[in-house]
Amino acid sequence: MPSPSHGKICYLEMPTRDIQTSADFYRNVFGWHVRQRSDGSTAFDDATGQVSGSWYTRRTPDASPGILISIMVDDLEAAIQSVLAH
């Protein structure tokens, strides 16, 4: 259960060109739980269960970042190899 705290980031809407590809990537690389909502949209919960969100195709991904989100990993080299593999 997420810990409620004033100012905590709790939800993300991530732009993508392909929802399934993005869902598979974050599930395989970072262990995110991917689920289907009752409205048919694909949502996620991060590996801690503290942050959730959805992917959307109605916003175009941008090559130059606006906001930068960092994801913690246990082993940087293993995470890089997993990113490259997926």
C-alpha atoms as a PDB file:
ATOM      1  CA  MET A   1       0.000   0.000   0.000  1.00  0.00           C
ATOM      2  CA  PRO A   2       1.470   3.390  -0.966  1.00  0.00           C
ATOM      3  CA  SER A   3       2.495   5.561   1.926  1.00  0.00           C
ATOM      4  CA  PRO A   4       0.534   8.819   1.744  1.00  0.00           C
ATOM      5  CA  SER A   5       2.669  11.899   2.180  1.00  0.00           C
ATOM      6  CA  HIS A   6       2.093  15.493   1.175  1.00  0.00           C
ATOM      7  CA  GLY A   7       4.030  16.267  -2.008  1.00  0.00           C
ATOM      8  CA  LYS A   8       4.819  12.645  -2.910  1.00  0.00           C
ATOM      9  CA  ILE A   9       4.818  11.782  -6.611  1.00  0.00           C
ATOM     10  CA  CYS A  10       2.207   9.056  -6.936  1.00  0.00           C
ATOM     11  CA  TYR A  11       1.111   8.887 -10.592  1.00  0.00           C
ATOM     12  CA  LEU A  12       2.759   9.218 -14.005  1.00  0.00           C
ATOM     13  CA  GLU A  13       1.364   9.461 -17.517  1.00  0.00           C
ATOM     14  CA  MET A  14       4.070   8.311 -19.894  1.00  0.00           C
ATOM     15  CA  PRO A  15       3.894   9.040 -23.623  1.00  0.00           C
ATOM     16  CA  THR A  16       4.696   6.150 -25.962  1.00  0.00           C
ATOM     17  CA  ARG A  17       4.271   5.129 -29.571  1.00  0.00           C
ATOM     18  CA  ASP A  18       3.499   1.521 -28.567  1.00  0.00           C
ATOM     19  CA  ILE A  19       1.875   0.749 -25.208  1.00  0.00           C
ATOM     20  CA  GLN A  20       2.590  -3.000 -25.267  1.00  0.00           C
ATOM     21  CA  THR A  21       6.262  -2.498 -26.108  1.00  0.00           C
ATOM     22  CA  SER A  22       6.635   0.035 -23.284  1.00  0.00           C
ATOM     23  CA  ALA A  23       4.750  -2.185 -20.840  1.00  0.00           C
ATOM     24  CA  ASP A  24       6.944  -5.180 -21.717  1.00  0.00           C
ATOM     25  CA  PHE A  25      10.111  -3.087 -21.365  1.00  0.00           C
ATOM     26  CA  TYR A  26       9.324  -1.712 -17.891  1.00  0.00           C
ATOM     27  CA  ARG A  27       8.037  -5.104 -16.699  1.00  0.00           C
ATOM     28  CA  ASN A  28      11.123  -6.970 -17.938  1.00  0.00           C
ATOM     29  CA  VAL A  29      13.780  -4.421 -16.987  1.00  0.00           C
ATOM     30  CA  PHE A  30      12.442  -2.943 -13.739  1.00  0.00           C
ATOM     31  CA  GLY A  31       9.894  -5.497 -12.519  1.00  0.00           C
ATOM     32  CA  TRP A  32       6.896  -3.170 -12.802  1.00  0.00           C
ATOM     33  CA  HIS A  33       3.475  -4.765 -12.382  1.00  0.00           C
ATOM     34  CA  VAL A  34       1.445  -4.190 -15.578  1.00  0.00           C
ATOM     35  CA  ARG A  35      -2.325  -4.486 -15.447  1.00  0.00           C
ATOM     36  CA  GLN A  36      -5.418  -3.834 -17.550  1.00  0.00           C
ATOM     37  CA  ARG A  37      -7.959  -1.408 -16.137  1.00  0.00           C
ATOM     38  CA  SER A  38     -11.678  -1.987 -16.448  1.00  0.00           C
ATOM     39  CA  ASP A  39     -11.755   0.609 -19.262  1.00  0.00           C
ATOM     40  CA  GLY A  40      -9.203  -1.472 -21.219  1.00  0.00           C
ATOM     41  CA  SER A  41      -6.252   0.873 -20.714  1.00  0.00           C
ATOM     42  CA  THR A  42      -2.872  -0.485 -19.662  1.00  0.00           C
ATOM     43  CA  ALA A  43      -1.596   0.728 -16.304  1.00  0.00           C
ATOM     44  CA  PHE A  44       1.427   0.022 -14.132  1.00  0.00           C
ATOM     45  CA  ASP A  45       2.610  -0.003 -10.560  1.00  0.00           C
ATOM     46  CA  ASP A  46       6.324   0.380  -9.950  1.00  0.00           C
ATOM     47  CA  ALA A  47       8.288  -2.381  -8.240  1.00  0.00           C
ATOM     48  CA  THR A  48       7.667  -0.801  -4.813  1.00  0.00           C
ATOM     49  CA  GLY A  49       3.920  -0.353  -5.308  1.00  0.00           C
ATOM     50  CA  GLN A  50       4.411   3.323  -4.419  1.00  0.00           C
ATOM     51  CA  VAL A  51       3.941   4.885  -7.873  1.00  0.00           C
ATOM     52  CA  SER A  52       1.390   3.992 -10.526  1.00  0.00           C
ATOM     53  CA  GLY A  53       0.494   5.326 -13.920  1.00  0.00           C
ATOM     54  CA  SER A  54      -0.403   4.647 -17.530  1.00  0.00           C
ATOM     55  CA  TRP A  55       1.080   4.886 -20.997  1.00  0.00           C
ATOM     56  CA  TYR A  56      -0.627   7.081 -23.580  1.00  0.00           C
ATOM     57  CA  THR A  57      -0.287   7.333 -27.334  1.00  0.00           C
ATOM     58  CA  ARG A  58      -2.141  10.638 -27.531  1.00  0.00           C
ATOM     59  CA  ARG A  59       1.036  12.481 -26.492  1.00  0.00           C
ATOM     60  CA  THR A  60       4.100  12.193 -28.694  1.00  0.00           C
ATOM     61  CA  PRO A  61       7.328  11.117 -26.995  1.00  0.00           C
ATOM     62  CA  ASP A  62       9.960  13.864 -27.281  1.00  0.00           C
ATOM     63  CA  ALA A  63      13.631  13.193 -27.997  1.00  0.00           C
ATOM     64  CA  SER A  64      14.666  16.077 -25.731  1.00  0.00           C
ATOM     65  CA  PRO A  65      13.604  15.477 -22.120  1.00  0.00           C
ATOM     66  CA  GLY A  66      11.411  17.893 -20.236  1.00  0.00           C
ATOM     67  CA  ILE A  67      11.053  16.281 -16.837  1.00  0.00           C
ATOM     68  CA  LEU A  68      13.604  13.638 -15.944  1.00  0.00           C
ATOM     69  CA  ILE A  69      12.463  10.611 -13.936  1.00  0.00           C
ATOM     70  CA  SER A  70      15.101   8.428 -12.273  1.00  0.00           C
ATOM     71  CA  ILE A  71      14.531   4.734 -11.529  1.00  0.00           C
ATOM     72  CA  MET A  72      16.563   3.093  -8.764  1.00  0.00           C
ATOM     73  CA  VAL A  73      18.328  -0.195  -9.579  1.00  0.00           C
ATOM     74  CA  ASP A  74      20.251  -2.672  -7.417  1.00  0.00           C
ATOM     75  CA  ASP A  75      23.014  -3.259  -9.971  1.00  0.00           C
ATOM     76  CA  LEU A  76      23.731  -0.592 -12.588  1.00  0.00           C
ATOM     77  CA  GLU A  77      25.675  -2.829 -14.960  1.00  0.00           C
ATOM     78  CA  ALA A  78      22.974  -5.533 -14.860  1.00  0.00           C
ATOM     79  CA  ALA A  79      20.292  -2.896 -15.446  1.00  0.00           C
ATOM     80  CA  ILE A  80      22.168  -1.488 -18.453  1.00  0.00           C
ATOM     81  CA  GLN A  81      22.481  -4.995 -19.916  1.00  0.00           C
ATOM     82  CA  SER A  82      18.750  -5.583 -19.347  1.00  0.00           C
ATOM     83  CA  VAL A  83      17.878  -2.270 -21.023  1.00  0.00           C
ATOM     84  CA  LEU A  84      20.014  -3.189 -24.032  1.00  0.00           C
ATOM     85  CA  ALA A  85      18.428  -6.658 -24.204  1.00  0.00           C
ATOM     86  CA  HIS A  86      14.885  -5.325 -24.107  1.00  0.00           C
END
